[in-house]
Amino acid sequence: MQRSLAFFACSTLLALAACGGGKSASPDGSGGAGGSAPPYETDDDLPLPPVAGLAPTPPMGWNSWNKFSCNITGAFVEAVADGMVSSGMKDAGFEFINIDDCWSQATRAADGTLQPDTVHFPPSTTGGNDGIQIVADYVHSKGLKLGIYGDRGTETCGHRAGSQGYEMQDAMTWASWGVDYLKYDNCAATLDAQTQYQTMRDALTATDRDFVFSICAWSFYEWASVIGNLQRTTTDITNTWDSIVSNLQTNKLVTAYGGPNHWNDPDMLEVGNSDFGAGPVTDLENQSHFSLWAIVDAPLIAGNDLRDGHMADATKATLTNTEVIALNQDALGLPGYEVRESGDQSVWAKPLDANGARGVVLFNAGAAPADITVGFAEIGLSLGPATVRDLLGHADLGTFTDSYTATAVPSHGTATLKILGGEPARPRGAGAYLSDLTPTYAANGLGPVERDTNNGASDAGDGGPIKLRGQAFSKGLGMSAPSAVIFRLGKVCTSFSATVGVDDAAGGAGSVVFQVWADDNKLFDSGTVTGMSAAMPVMVDLTGLRRLKLVVTNAGDGSALDRADWADAKVDCAP
């Protein structure tokens, strides 16, 4: 999954999609309005080669479970494939037709082979093809791909045959049918989850057929970022506004783990499952649901009725909004994060693969319309002019200075924007503290990344002095794992230094790993650092490098009191 970028490269999976922010701005590093200034580094404007791997951008498709549960047949799935084409969803980027639970019989054949439910997925009348293979052939004939459902346990959630002990046999069966995607669930299991998911990953790889592997373990696990192409971060979503918002809030805590070929998955879309009075979610809420899933780089897996005549026009317009989809499918692959939350209003943003470009969602979760402002500096742009485009209204809104305010954002609505401005200035001089610079990306596990204080709780500025084993530091970055912060270097810096550790505010608790990345190279890995570990000095060479990324992981044991300090974090650079 590594990419050889002109300006930055993705890391290995566990390094949390270590990609740089947007491209450089003006020759003096000051940025420029509308991204029209010449680039600071001439090779930053070269096109990016495609990311390698099976899910370089979040998968897009459809799944049968949310609306139809076990009420599916082969003919129905084929009609859904027809609808994905005729509705324009295929042209908008949707490609997977995924059959969820209940497609198989409850028991296996005498030789252990999984058998389709022949009532709902009948075999060919001329012999030779199982029911699922017939559906796969039809889906492929439409230029789409077929996904299927399995379970790591002894039976599925719908009480059909699970794959425990049959991993290789099942993988070979699915491959022989032409399946392209596996959603692997977590019911009736008696063995270690990580081991079982790895066993199935190995089995899929051994088939020599490409399978996108969706780990559905009902909550996030750090190991899933390595094993799967997408990993569930939440409990099951339901077709209610409260469930949609709850899953969004749970997913945001692990934003830093997402990236190309290992996307965070807050579960499937409910967009359209209230069409024609069938549920409580409004068209406006559906639109917000879609924008928020798009900005955080969630897989866009629809679950509504795609058959001709069964989808409302408003739903079709939401699901085929290619400007919103472009935020989700952006080649840079940095998941959007919550920049700021103020009461019921919040700002979400992500760097895009263009000079000075940011995707932004201004979200009003409150009960009344509200004005919401985004400052350009808080989304990693320089102060000054920037152009703003409304992606829902497909309209350019004009040029604004330092900030933009969306007025009267409706209750449960969003302003979904693309903002094009100037990249922040590169660091200058010896001993440039990172806390005095504007990062291009700053995903954090709890609230914002803090400057010159430790990470307190969820609000900005609620931390205390940075202190490691009794020593106080006046400068530094306070984070809460998992976190990932990116700064421009412009190939003019020679070194990075800091002292790292779990802040004394954790009371001796906490367990993290600190990593330093620059371009596609991991330059430092602390190993596990606890709240009792001695403060650790860090010094790395940055000569000739373009982007610095500081990463903190949970060390595989959860996020409790993982208050990570990069004390005295600074770079030495040319004047």
Protein backbone atom coordinates (compact mmCIF):
# COMPACT_ATOMS: atom_id res chain seq x y z
CA MET A 1 0.00 0.00 0.00
CA GLN A 2 2.97 2.34 0.00
CA ARG A 3 2.99 5.09 -2.58
CA SER A 4 5.97 6.78 -4.15
CA LEU A 5 4.75 10.35 -4.00
CA ALA A 6 6.45 13.40 -5.43
CA PHE A 7 6.23 15.07 -2.02
CA PHE A 8 5.27 12.47 0.57
CA ALA A 9 4.51 8.78 0.88
CA CYS A 10 2.13 6.64 2.85
CA SER A 11 3.60 4.49 5.55
CA THR A 12 2.86 0.95 6.58
CA LEU A 13 -0.61 0.29 7.94
CA LEU A 14 0.07 0.65 11.64
CA ALA A 15 1.79 3.97 11.04
CA LEU A 16 -1.66 5.47 10.61
CA ALA A 17 -1.66 6.54 6.98
CA ALA A 18 1.47 8.62 7.35
CA CYS A 19 0.85 10.99 4.48
CA GLY A 20 1.70 14.65 4.24
CA GLY A 21 -0.67 17.58 4.21
CA GLY A 22 -1.49 19.66 1.17
CA LYS A 23 1.19 20.75 -1.26
CA SER A 24 3.39 23.78 -0.70
CA ALA A 25 2.38 27.33 -1.49
CA SER A 26 4.39 30.38 -2.53
CA PRO A 27 8.17 30.51 -2.99
CA ASP A 28 8.64 32.26 0.33
CA GLY A 29 6.39 29.77 2.09
CA SER A 30 3.72 32.35 2.84
CA GLY A 31 0.94 30.84 0.79
CA GLY A 32 -1.37 32.49 -1.70
CA ALA A 33 -5.04 33.01 -2.36
CA GLY A 34 -6.85 30.33 -4.30
CA GLY A 35 -3.73 28.20 -4.59
CA SER A 36 -2.61 30.29 -7.56
CA ALA A 37 0.84 31.14 -6.19
CA PRO A 38 3.79 29.18 -7.60
CA PRO A 39 4.73 26.13 -5.53
CA TYR A 40 7.44 26.34 -2.93
CA GLU A 41 8.91 23.05 -4.22
CA THR A 42 8.62 22.62 -7.95
CA ASP A 43 8.10 18.85 -7.84
CA ASP A 44 5.12 19.25 -5.50
CA ASP A 45 2.94 19.91 -8.54
CA LEU A 46 3.67 16.55 -10.16
CA PRO A 47 0.63 14.23 -10.34
CA LEU A 48 0.42 11.61 -7.62
CA PRO A 49 0.68 8.00 -8.78
CA PRO A 50 -2.18 5.75 -7.62
CA VAL A 51 -1.91 4.23 -4.18
CA ALA A 52 -1.21 0.50 -4.34
CA GLY A 53 -3.55 -1.90 -2.58
CA LEU A 54 -7.15 -3.09 -2.70
CA ALA A 55 -8.70 -0.07 -0.97
CA PRO A 56 -6.58 2.99 -1.78
CA THR A 57 -9.67 5.11 -1.14
CA PRO A 58 -12.65 4.18 1.06
CA PRO A 59 -14.77 1.43 -0.56
CA MET A 60 -18.09 2.52 -2.04
CA GLY A 61 -21.01 0.18 -2.54
CA TRP A 62 -24.22 -1.29 -1.15
CA ASN A 63 -25.06 -3.86 1.54
CA SER A 64 -28.31 -5.72 2.07
CA TRP A 65 -28.49 -5.81 5.89
CA ASN A 66 -29.70 -2.43 7.16
CA LYS A 67 -33.00 -2.41 5.32
CA PHE A 68 -33.57 -5.99 4.22
CA SER A 69 -31.92 -8.18 6.87
CA CYS A 70 -32.44 -11.81 5.77
CA ASN A 71 -35.12 -10.97 3.19
CA ILE A 72 -32.93 -11.28 0.11
CA THR A 73 -32.82 -13.44 -3.01
CA GLY A 74 -30.50 -13.74 -5.95
CA ALA A 75 -33.04 -12.03 -8.20
CA PHE A 76 -33.37 -9.15 -5.74
CA VAL A 77 -29.60 -8.63 -5.56
CA GLU A 78 -29.43 -8.57 -9.35
CA ALA A 79 -32.18 -5.92 -9.42
CA VAL A 80 -30.18 -3.85 -6.93
CA ALA A 81 -27.17 -4.07 -9.26
CA ASP A 82 -29.40 -2.81 -12.09
CA GLY A 83 -30.49 0.07 -9.88
CA MET A 84 -26.94 1.01 -8.96
CA VAL A 85 -26.28 1.50 -12.68
CA SER A 86 -29.55 3.21 -13.66
CA SER A 87 -29.55 5.59 -10.68
CA GLY A 88 -26.15 7.00 -11.58
CA MET A 89 -24.50 5.58 -8.45
CA LYS A 90 -22.07 3.49 -10.46
CA ASP A 91 -21.00 6.55 -12.42
CA ALA A 92 -20.56 8.39 -9.09
CA GLY A 93 -18.09 5.73 -7.90
CA PHE A 94 -20.14 3.01 -6.18
CA GLU A 95 -18.95 -0.45 -7.21
CA PHE A 96 -19.63 -3.18 -4.61
CA ILE A 97 -22.88 -5.12 -4.29
CA ASN A 98 -22.54 -6.85 -0.91
CA ILE A 99 -24.74 -9.74 0.24
CA ASP A 100 -24.94 -9.83 4.03
CA ASP A 101 -26.06 -12.63 6.37
CA CYS A 102 -28.55 -15.42 5.60
CA TRP A 103 -27.37 -16.25 2.09
CA SER A 104 -26.14 -19.71 3.13
CA GLN A 105 -27.63 -22.83 4.61
CA ALA A 106 -27.33 -23.45 8.34
CA THR A 107 -25.29 -26.61 7.78
CA ARG A 108 -22.45 -27.49 5.46
CA ALA A 109 -22.27 -30.18 2.80
CA ALA A 110 -20.80 -33.54 3.78
CA ASP A 111 -17.35 -32.41 2.62
CA GLY A 112 -17.59 -29.21 4.67
CA THR A 113 -18.33 -26.88 1.77
CA LEU A 114 -20.55 -23.86 2.39
CA GLN A 115 -23.86 -24.14 0.54
CA PRO A 116 -26.05 -21.25 -0.65
CA ASP A 117 -29.65 -21.22 0.54
CA THR A 118 -31.07 -22.83 -2.59
CA VAL A 119 -34.55 -21.35 -2.03
CA HIS A 120 -33.25 -17.79 -2.17
CA PHE A 121 -30.13 -18.35 -4.29
CA PRO A 122 -31.06 -21.28 -6.55
CA PRO A 123 -28.44 -23.04 -8.68
CA SER A 124 -28.45 -22.93 -12.44
CA THR A 125 -31.17 -25.08 -13.98
CA THR A 126 -28.59 -26.36 -16.44
CA GLY A 127 -26.17 -27.33 -13.68
CA GLY A 128 -22.63 -26.31 -12.95
CA ASN A 129 -23.10 -23.01 -11.11
CA ASP A 130 -24.04 -22.37 -7.49
CA GLY A 131 -26.54 -19.59 -6.82
CA ILE A 132 -23.93 -17.13 -5.57
CA GLN A 133 -21.76 -17.64 -8.64
CA ILE A 134 -24.76 -16.84 -10.84
CA VAL A 135 -25.26 -13.57 -8.97
CA ALA A 136 -21.53 -12.80 -9.13
CA ASP A 137 -21.51 -13.31 -12.88
CA TYR A 138 -24.48 -10.97 -13.27
CA VAL A 139 -22.98 -8.29 -11.03
CA HIS A 140 -19.68 -8.48 -12.90
CA SER A 141 -21.52 -8.15 -16.21
CA LYS A 142 -22.68 -4.73 -14.99
CA GLY A 143 -19.12 -3.60 -14.34
CA LEU A 144 -19.60 -4.00 -10.58
CA LYS A 145 -18.09 -6.26 -7.90
CA LEU A 146 -19.72 -8.75 -5.52
CA GLY A 147 -19.23 -8.93 -1.79
CA ILE A 148 -20.32 -11.63 0.63
CA TYR A 149 -20.67 -12.13 4.37
CA GLY A 150 -18.94 -14.57 6.71
CA ASP A 151 -18.31 -14.96 10.41
CA ARG A 152 -15.24 -15.94 12.42
CA GLY A 153 -17.38 -17.99 14.83
CA THR A 154 -19.10 -21.33 14.63
CA GLU A 155 -22.24 -19.71 13.24
CA THR A 156 -23.26 -16.31 11.88
CA CYS A 157 -25.49 -13.82 13.67
CA GLY A 158 -28.33 -15.19 11.53
CA HIS A 159 -27.56 -18.76 12.68
CA ARG A 160 -25.99 -19.90 9.43
CA ALA A 161 -22.69 -21.75 9.12
CA GLY A 162 -19.69 -19.80 10.45
CA SER A 163 -16.11 -20.17 9.25
CA GLN A 164 -14.32 -21.18 12.45
CA GLY A 165 -12.08 -24.09 11.45
CA TYR A 166 -13.05 -23.78 7.77
CA GLU A 167 -11.23 -20.57 6.85
CA MET A 168 -9.19 -21.87 3.93
CA GLN A 169 -12.02 -23.96 2.52
CA ASP A 170 -14.45 -21.04 2.67
CA ALA A 171 -11.98 -18.60 1.14
CA MET A 172 -11.40 -20.98 -1.76
CA THR A 173 -15.16 -21.42 -2.22
CA TRP A 174 -15.78 -17.67 -2.35
CA ALA A 175 -12.88 -17.22 -4.75
CA SER A 176 -14.28 -19.92 -7.04
CA TRP A 177 -17.59 -18.04 -7.16
CA GLY A 178 -15.88 -14.77 -8.13
CA VAL A 179 -16.45 -12.89 -4.85
CA ASP A 180 -14.49 -9.63 -4.48
CA TYR A 181 -15.20 -8.46 -0.91
CA LEU A 182 -15.70 -10.18 2.45
CA LYS A 183 -17.48 -8.68 5.44
CA TYR A 184 -16.33 -10.87 8.33
CA ASP A 185 -18.49 -10.75 11.47
CA ASN A 186 -17.96 -11.62 15.13
CA CYS A 187 -20.75 -13.94 16.35
CA ALA A 188 -20.57 -17.25 18.27
CA ALA A 189 -16.78 -17.16 18.38
CA THR A 190 -14.80 -19.14 20.96
CA LEU A 191 -11.21 -18.29 19.98
CA ASP A 192 -8.97 -15.21 20.05
CA ALA A 193 -10.33 -12.52 17.70
CA GLN A 194 -7.02 -11.26 16.37
CA THR A 195 -5.84 -14.78 15.59
CA GLN A 196 -9.06 -15.68 13.80
CA TYR A 197 -9.17 -12.53 11.71
CA GLN A 198 -5.53 -13.04 10.75
CA THR A 199 -6.28 -16.66 9.81
CA MET A 200 -8.99 -15.53 7.41
CA ARG A 201 -6.77 -12.76 6.05
CA ASP A 202 -4.09 -15.37 5.30
CA ALA A 203 -6.67 -17.66 3.69
CA LEU A 204 -7.96 -14.91 1.41
CA THR A 205 -4.42 -14.03 0.38
CA ALA A 206 -3.68 -17.67 -0.42
CA THR A 207 -6.52 -17.82 -2.96
CA ASP A 208 -4.65 -15.46 -5.29
CA ARG A 209 -7.92 -13.56 -5.78
CA ASP A 210 -8.24 -9.96 -4.65
CA PHE A 211 -10.59 -9.63 -1.66
CA VAL A 212 -11.33 -6.37 0.11
CA PHE A 213 -11.43 -7.55 3.75
CA SER A 214 -13.92 -5.80 6.05
CA ILE A 215 -13.37 -6.56 9.74
CA CYS A 216 -16.67 -6.30 11.60
CA ALA A 217 -15.59 -6.77 15.21
CA TRP A 218 -18.15 -4.26 16.61
CA SER A 219 -15.52 -1.93 18.09
CA PHE A 220 -12.06 -0.74 17.14
CA TYR A 221 -8.90 -2.78 17.76
CA GLU A 222 -5.44 -1.51 16.87
CA TRP A 223 -4.46 -4.83 15.29
CA ALA A 224 -7.37 -4.55 12.85
CA SER A 225 -5.56 -1.67 11.12
CA VAL A 226 -2.93 -4.14 9.99
CA ILE A 227 -5.16 -7.09 9.10
CA GLY A 228 -8.17 -5.53 7.37
CA ASN A 229 -8.84 -3.05 4.59
CA LEU A 230 -11.53 -1.49 6.76
CA GLN A 231 -12.26 -1.98 10.44
CA ARG A 232 -15.50 -1.33 12.29
CA THR A 233 -15.11 1.30 14.99
CA THR A 234 -18.64 1.24 16.41
CA THR A 235 -21.64 -0.85 17.33
CA ASP A 236 -24.30 -1.44 14.66
CA ILE A 237 -25.91 1.66 13.23
CA THR A 238 -29.71 2.01 13.12
CA ASN A 239 -31.98 4.24 11.07
CA THR A 240 -32.28 6.96 13.72
CA TRP A 241 -30.61 10.34 14.01
CA ASP A 242 -29.27 9.54 17.49
CA SER A 243 -27.56 6.38 16.23
CA ILE A 244 -25.95 8.21 13.30
CA VAL A 245 -24.53 10.93 15.56
CA SER A 246 -23.44 8.41 18.21
CA ASN A 247 -21.45 6.40 15.67
CA LEU A 248 -19.85 9.57 14.33
CA GLN A 249 -18.74 10.57 17.84
CA THR A 250 -17.34 7.12 18.61
CA ASN A 251 -15.47 6.96 15.31
CA LYS A 252 -13.79 10.34 15.79
CA LEU A 253 -11.80 9.01 18.77
CA VAL A 254 -9.70 6.82 16.47
CA THR A 255 -9.43 9.12 13.45
CA ALA A 256 -5.64 8.87 13.37
CA TYR A 257 -5.73 5.13 12.64
CA GLY A 258 -7.53 5.47 9.29
CA GLY A 259 -5.89 5.72 5.89
CA PRO A 260 -5.33 4.02 2.55
CA ASN A 261 -6.14 0.29 2.69
CA HIS A 262 -7.17 0.39 6.37
CA TRP A 263 -10.17 2.70 6.71
CA ASN A 264 -12.08 3.35 9.91
CA ASP A 265 -15.67 2.14 9.50
CA PRO A 266 -18.48 3.70 11.60
CA ASP A 267 -20.86 1.26 9.86
CA MET A 268 -22.97 1.47 6.78
CA LEU A 269 -25.05 4.38 5.54
CA GLU A 270 -28.72 4.67 6.47
CA VAL A 271 -29.31 7.26 3.74
CA GLY A 272 -32.63 6.56 2.03
CA ASN A 273 -33.99 4.05 4.52
CA SER A 274 -36.69 6.55 5.50
CA ASP A 275 -37.82 7.14 1.92
CA PHE A 276 -41.57 7.45 1.32
CA GLY A 277 -42.33 7.73 5.05
CA ALA A 278 -40.59 4.48 6.03
CA GLY A 279 -38.56 5.94 8.92
CA PRO A 280 -37.72 8.88 11.16
CA VAL A 281 -34.63 10.32 9.44
CA THR A 282 -35.28 13.39 7.27
CA ASP A 283 -33.80 14.21 3.88
CA LEU A 284 -31.71 16.96 5.52
CA GLU A 285 -30.38 14.51 8.12
CA ASN A 286 -29.58 12.03 5.35
CA GLN A 287 -27.59 14.73 3.60
CA SER A 288 -25.68 15.51 6.81
CA HIS A 289 -25.07 11.80 7.40
CA PHE A 290 -23.55 11.50 3.94
CA SER A 291 -21.38 14.62 4.26
CA LEU A 292 -20.04 13.56 7.65
CA TRP A 293 -19.24 10.01 6.50
CA ALA A 294 -17.54 11.52 3.46
CA ILE A 295 -15.34 13.97 5.39
CA VAL A 296 -14.09 11.34 7.88
CA ASP A 297 -13.21 8.94 5.05
CA ALA A 298 -15.70 6.30 6.12
CA PRO A 299 -16.53 3.60 3.56
CA LEU A 300 -19.63 4.76 1.69
CA ILE A 301 -21.73 1.60 1.79
CA ALA A 302 -25.39 2.38 1.09
CA GLY A 303 -28.15 0.16 2.44
CA ASN A 304 -31.35 1.51 0.92
CA ASP A 305 -33.52 0.05 -1.83
CA LEU A 306 -31.72 0.84 -5.09
CA ARG A 307 -34.22 -0.90 -7.36
CA ASP A 308 -35.80 1.28 -10.02
CA GLY A 309 -38.73 3.23 -8.60
CA HIS A 310 -37.82 2.53 -4.97
CA MET A 311 -35.46 5.45 -4.26
CA ALA A 312 -36.66 9.01 -3.66
CA ASP A 313 -35.19 11.79 -5.76
CA ALA A 314 -33.70 13.52 -2.70
CA THR A 315 -31.90 10.32 -1.71
CA LYS A 316 -30.58 9.84 -5.22
CA ALA A 317 -29.30 13.41 -5.26
CA THR A 318 -27.49 12.89 -1.96
CA LEU A 319 -25.90 9.58 -2.92
CA THR A 320 -24.74 10.83 -6.33
CA ASN A 321 -23.31 14.19 -5.23
CA THR A 322 -19.90 13.77 -6.80
CA GLU A 323 -18.52 16.93 -5.16
CA VAL A 324 -19.15 15.51 -1.69
CA ILE A 325 -17.93 12.08 -2.79
CA ALA A 326 -14.69 13.71 -3.98
CA LEU A 327 -13.88 14.64 -0.36
CA ASN A 328 -14.13 10.97 0.58
CA GLN A 329 -12.24 9.66 -2.43
CA ASP A 330 -9.42 12.22 -2.34
CA ALA A 331 -6.09 10.58 -3.21
CA LEU A 332 -4.21 12.01 -0.22
CA GLY A 333 -6.14 9.66 2.07
CA LEU A 334 -6.08 11.70 5.29
CA PRO A 335 -9.33 11.14 7.23
CA GLY A 336 -11.15 14.28 8.28
CA TYR A 337 -11.05 15.09 11.99
CA GLU A 338 -13.11 17.23 14.35
CA VAL A 339 -11.21 20.51 14.50
CA ARG A 340 -13.41 22.16 17.08
CA GLU A 341 -16.65 21.55 18.96
CA SER A 342 -18.57 24.45 20.51
CA GLY A 343 -21.76 23.25 22.16
CA ASP A 344 -23.92 21.67 19.46
CA GLN A 345 -21.84 23.05 16.58
CA SER A 346 -18.62 21.53 15.25
CA VAL A 347 -16.04 22.00 12.52
CA TRP A 348 -14.62 19.01 10.62
CA ALA A 349 -11.81 19.24 8.08
CA LYS A 350 -9.25 17.34 6.01
CA PRO A 351 -6.39 18.30 3.69
CA LEU A 352 -7.00 17.49 0.04
CA ASP A 353 -4.59 16.51 -2.68
CA ALA A 354 -4.19 20.02 -4.09
CA ASN A 355 -2.23 23.08 -3.15
CA GLY A 356 -3.96 24.86 -0.26
CA ALA A 357 -7.16 22.76 -0.52
CA ARG A 358 -9.26 21.65 2.45
CA GLY A 359 -12.55 19.82 2.71
CA VAL A 360 -14.71 21.23 5.50
CA VAL A 361 -18.03 20.29 7.09
CA LEU A 362 -19.71 22.73 9.48
CA PHE A 363 -22.18 20.63 11.47
CA ASN A 364 -25.11 21.90 13.52
CA ALA A 365 -26.33 19.15 15.86
CA GLY A 366 -28.52 21.62 17.76
CA ALA A 367 -32.28 22.13 17.74
CA ALA A 368 -32.24 25.58 16.10
CA PRO A 369 -30.43 27.18 13.15
CA ALA A 370 -26.97 28.50 13.99
CA ASP A 371 -24.12 30.46 12.45
CA ILE A 372 -20.88 28.47 12.31
CA THR A 373 -17.45 29.98 11.61
CA VAL A 374 -14.31 28.21 10.44
CA GLY A 375 -11.00 30.02 10.83
CA PHE A 376 -8.55 29.31 8.05
CA ALA A 377 -5.65 28.85 10.47
CA GLU A 378 -7.51 26.17 12.43
CA ILE A 379 -7.82 24.00 9.32
CA GLY A 380 -4.12 24.29 8.53
CA LEU A 381 -4.16 27.21 6.10
CA SER A 382 -2.37 30.54 6.32
CA LEU A 383 -4.31 33.65 7.25
CA GLY A 384 -5.43 35.81 4.37
CA PRO A 385 -7.77 35.28 1.44
CA ALA A 386 -9.29 31.96 0.46
CA THR A 387 -12.08 30.92 -1.88
CA VAL A 388 -15.04 28.91 -0.62
CA ARG A 389 -17.28 26.55 -2.60
CA ASP A 390 -20.62 25.12 -1.41
CA LEU A 391 -20.58 21.42 -2.34
CA LEU A 392 -24.27 20.88 -1.57
CA GLY A 393 -25.44 23.86 -3.62
CA HIS A 394 -22.71 23.39 -6.28
CA ALA A 395 -21.90 27.09 -6.07
CA ASP A 396 -18.81 29.26 -5.56
CA LEU A 397 -19.46 31.51 -2.58
CA GLY A 398 -16.61 33.99 -3.09
CA THR A 399 -13.32 34.99 -1.51
CA PHE A 400 -13.05 35.53 2.26
CA THR A 401 -10.26 36.72 4.53
CA ASP A 402 -9.03 34.71 7.56
CA SER A 403 -12.35 32.91 8.13
CA TYR A 404 -15.72 31.99 6.68
CA THR A 405 -19.10 32.00 8.45
CA ALA A 406 -22.02 29.88 7.28
CA THR A 407 -25.17 31.64 8.43
CA ALA A 408 -28.26 29.90 9.75
CA VAL A 409 -27.04 26.33 9.25
CA PRO A 410 -30.28 24.43 9.85
CA SER A 411 -30.86 22.13 12.79
CA HIS A 412 -29.19 18.77 12.04
CA GLY A 413 -27.77 20.28 8.87
CA THR A 414 -24.32 20.97 7.49
CA ALA A 415 -22.48 23.42 5.34
CA THR A 416 -20.25 21.18 3.22
CA LEU A 417 -17.40 23.14 1.69
CA LYS A 418 -14.16 23.13 -0.26
CA ILE A 419 -11.82 25.92 0.81
CA LEU A 420 -8.80 26.87 -1.28
CA GLY A 421 -6.23 29.15 0.32
CA GLY A 422 -2.55 29.28 1.17
CA GLU A 423 -0.46 26.63 2.89
CA PRO A 424 1.15 27.67 6.19
CA ALA A 425 4.65 29.07 6.17
CA ARG A 426 7.47 26.61 6.51
CA PRO A 427 9.58 26.73 9.70
CA ARG A 428 12.56 29.09 9.74
CA GLY A 429 15.73 29.28 11.80
CA ALA A 430 17.32 27.17 14.49
CA GLY A 431 15.10 25.94 17.30
CA ALA A 432 11.69 26.63 15.71
CA TYR A 433 9.13 25.28 18.18
CA LEU A 434 6.34 23.25 16.58
CA SER A 435 3.82 24.74 19.00
CA ASP A 436 4.44 28.11 17.33
CA LEU A 437 3.72 26.72 13.84
CA THR A 438 0.50 25.84 12.01
CA PRO A 439 0.18 22.11 11.33
CA THR A 440 -1.43 21.01 8.09
CA TYR A 441 -3.15 18.10 9.89
CA ALA A 442 -3.90 17.48 13.58
CA ALA A 443 -6.03 14.43 14.44
CA ASN A 444 -6.21 13.71 18.17
CA GLY A 445 -7.90 11.08 20.31
CA LEU A 446 -9.48 13.53 22.78
CA GLY A 447 -10.19 17.12 21.87
CA PRO A 448 -7.66 19.21 19.94
CA VAL A 449 -3.88 18.92 20.02
CA GLU A 450 -2.74 21.38 22.70
CA ARG A 451 0.07 23.90 22.32
CA ASP A 452 2.40 24.36 25.30
CA THR A 453 0.10 22.45 27.68
CA ASN A 454 -0.74 18.82 28.19
CA ASN A 455 -3.94 17.33 26.77
CA GLY A 456 -6.59 17.82 29.44
CA ALA A 457 -9.99 16.68 28.20
CA SER A 458 -12.17 17.42 25.18
CA ASP A 459 -12.11 21.23 25.23
CA ALA A 460 -9.42 23.44 23.76
CA GLY A 461 -7.10 24.96 26.34
CA ASP A 462 -8.21 22.73 29.22
CA GLY A 463 -4.79 21.18 29.85
CA GLY A 464 -2.20 22.04 32.45
CA PRO A 465 1.56 22.56 32.31
CA ILE A 466 3.56 19.89 30.49
CA LYS A 467 5.36 17.83 33.13
CA LEU A 468 7.35 14.61 32.71
CA ARG A 469 8.58 12.81 35.85
CA GLY A 470 8.54 16.06 37.76
CA GLN A 471 10.27 18.21 35.13
CA ALA A 472 8.18 21.07 33.74
CA PHE A 473 8.41 22.23 30.12
CA SER A 474 7.13 25.58 28.89
CA LYS A 475 6.95 24.51 25.22
CA GLY A 476 5.60 21.45 23.47
CA LEU A 477 2.57 19.62 22.08
CA GLY A 478 0.07 17.82 24.28
CA MET A 479 -1.77 14.92 22.67
CA SER A 480 -4.08 12.08 23.59
CA ALA A 481 -3.49 8.85 21.71
CA PRO A 482 -4.21 7.99 18.99
CA SER A 483 -2.95 11.14 17.33
CA ALA A 484 -1.20 12.24 14.15
CA VAL A 485 0.12 15.74 13.44
CA ILE A 486 1.81 16.91 10.21
CA PHE A 487 4.03 19.92 9.57
CA ARG A 488 5.59 21.24 6.36
CA LEU A 489 9.38 21.24 6.21
CA GLY A 490 10.06 22.41 2.67
CA LYS A 491 13.33 20.45 2.48
CA VAL A 492 15.09 23.21 4.44
CA CYS A 493 15.21 21.63 7.93
CA THR A 494 18.03 19.49 9.26
CA SER A 495 16.78 17.98 12.53
CA PHE A 496 13.86 17.41 14.89
CA SER A 497 14.24 17.08 18.64
CA ALA A 498 11.90 16.60 21.60
CA THR A 499 11.54 14.89 24.96
CA VAL A 500 8.62 12.47 25.03
CA GLY A 501 6.63 10.71 27.69
CA VAL A 502 3.22 10.23 29.30
CA ASP A 503 2.37 13.39 31.22
CA ASP A 504 2.48 13.32 35.02
CA ALA A 505 -1.21 14.30 34.97
CA ALA A 506 -1.95 10.65 34.11
CA GLY A 507 -0.83 9.69 37.63
CA GLY A 508 1.48 6.94 36.42
CA ALA A 509 -1.15 5.37 34.17
CA GLY A 510 -1.25 5.34 30.37
CA SER A 511 0.63 3.36 27.74
CA VAL A 512 1.61 4.72 24.30
CA VAL A 513 4.09 4.46 21.44
CA PHE A 514 5.71 7.59 19.96
CA GLN A 515 6.74 7.59 16.30
CA VAL A 516 8.42 10.16 14.07
CA TRP A 517 7.85 9.91 10.33
CA ALA A 518 9.16 12.07 7.51
CA ASP A 519 8.05 11.42 3.95
CA ASP A 520 7.88 7.62 3.67
CA ASN A 521 10.45 6.87 6.39
CA LYS A 522 9.89 6.01 10.03
CA LEU A 523 12.76 7.79 11.76
CA PHE A 524 11.97 6.98 15.39
CA ASP A 525 9.90 4.46 17.37
CA SER A 526 9.90 4.65 21.14
CA GLY A 527 8.47 1.23 21.83
CA THR A 528 5.91 1.13 24.65
CA VAL A 529 6.12 4.11 26.99
CA THR A 530 4.05 4.10 30.19
CA GLY A 531 3.19 6.70 32.76
CA MET A 532 6.03 5.31 34.87
CA SER A 533 8.68 5.36 32.13
CA ALA A 534 11.50 7.87 32.23
CA ALA A 535 11.26 10.81 29.83
CA MET A 536 12.87 9.88 26.52
CA PRO A 537 14.97 12.19 24.32
CA VAL A 538 14.33 12.16 20.56
CA MET A 539 16.67 13.47 17.86
CA VAL A 540 16.24 12.68 14.16
CA ASP A 541 17.78 13.91 10.92
CA LEU A 542 15.40 15.74 8.56
CA THR A 543 17.85 16.75 5.86
CA GLY A 544 16.15 17.05 2.46
CA LEU A 545 12.69 15.98 3.71
CA ARG A 546 9.35 17.62 2.99
CA ARG A 547 6.88 16.60 5.68
CA LEU A 548 7.21 15.75 9.37
CA LYS A 549 4.58 13.54 10.98
CA LEU A 550 4.36 12.91 14.72
CA VAL A 551 2.31 9.84 15.63
CA VAL A 552 1.17 8.43 18.97
CA THR A 553 -0.58 5.05 19.19
CA ASN A 554 -2.37 3.39 22.09
CA ALA A 555 0.23 0.60 22.33
CA GLY A 556 -2.58 -1.87 21.67
CA ASP A 557 -4.22 -1.56 25.10
CA GLY A 558 -6.85 1.16 24.76
CA SER A 559 -6.78 4.90 25.28
CA ALA A 560 -7.27 5.37 29.04
CA LEU A 561 -5.05 8.24 30.28
CA ASP A 562 -2.82 8.09 27.20
CA ARG A 563 -1.76 11.73 27.62
CA ALA A 564 1.32 11.96 25.41
CA ASP A 565 3.70 14.94 25.50
CA TRP A 566 6.15 16.06 22.84
CA ALA A 567 7.98 18.41 25.18
CA ASP A 568 10.28 21.05 23.66
CA ALA A 569 9.40 19.75 20.18
CA LYS A 570 11.35 21.81 17.66
CA VAL A 571 13.06 21.74 14.31
CA ASP A 572 16.31 23.30 13.13
CA CYS A 573 15.89 24.87 9.71
CA ALA A 574 17.46 27.33 7.32
CA PRO A 575 16.68 31.04 7.91
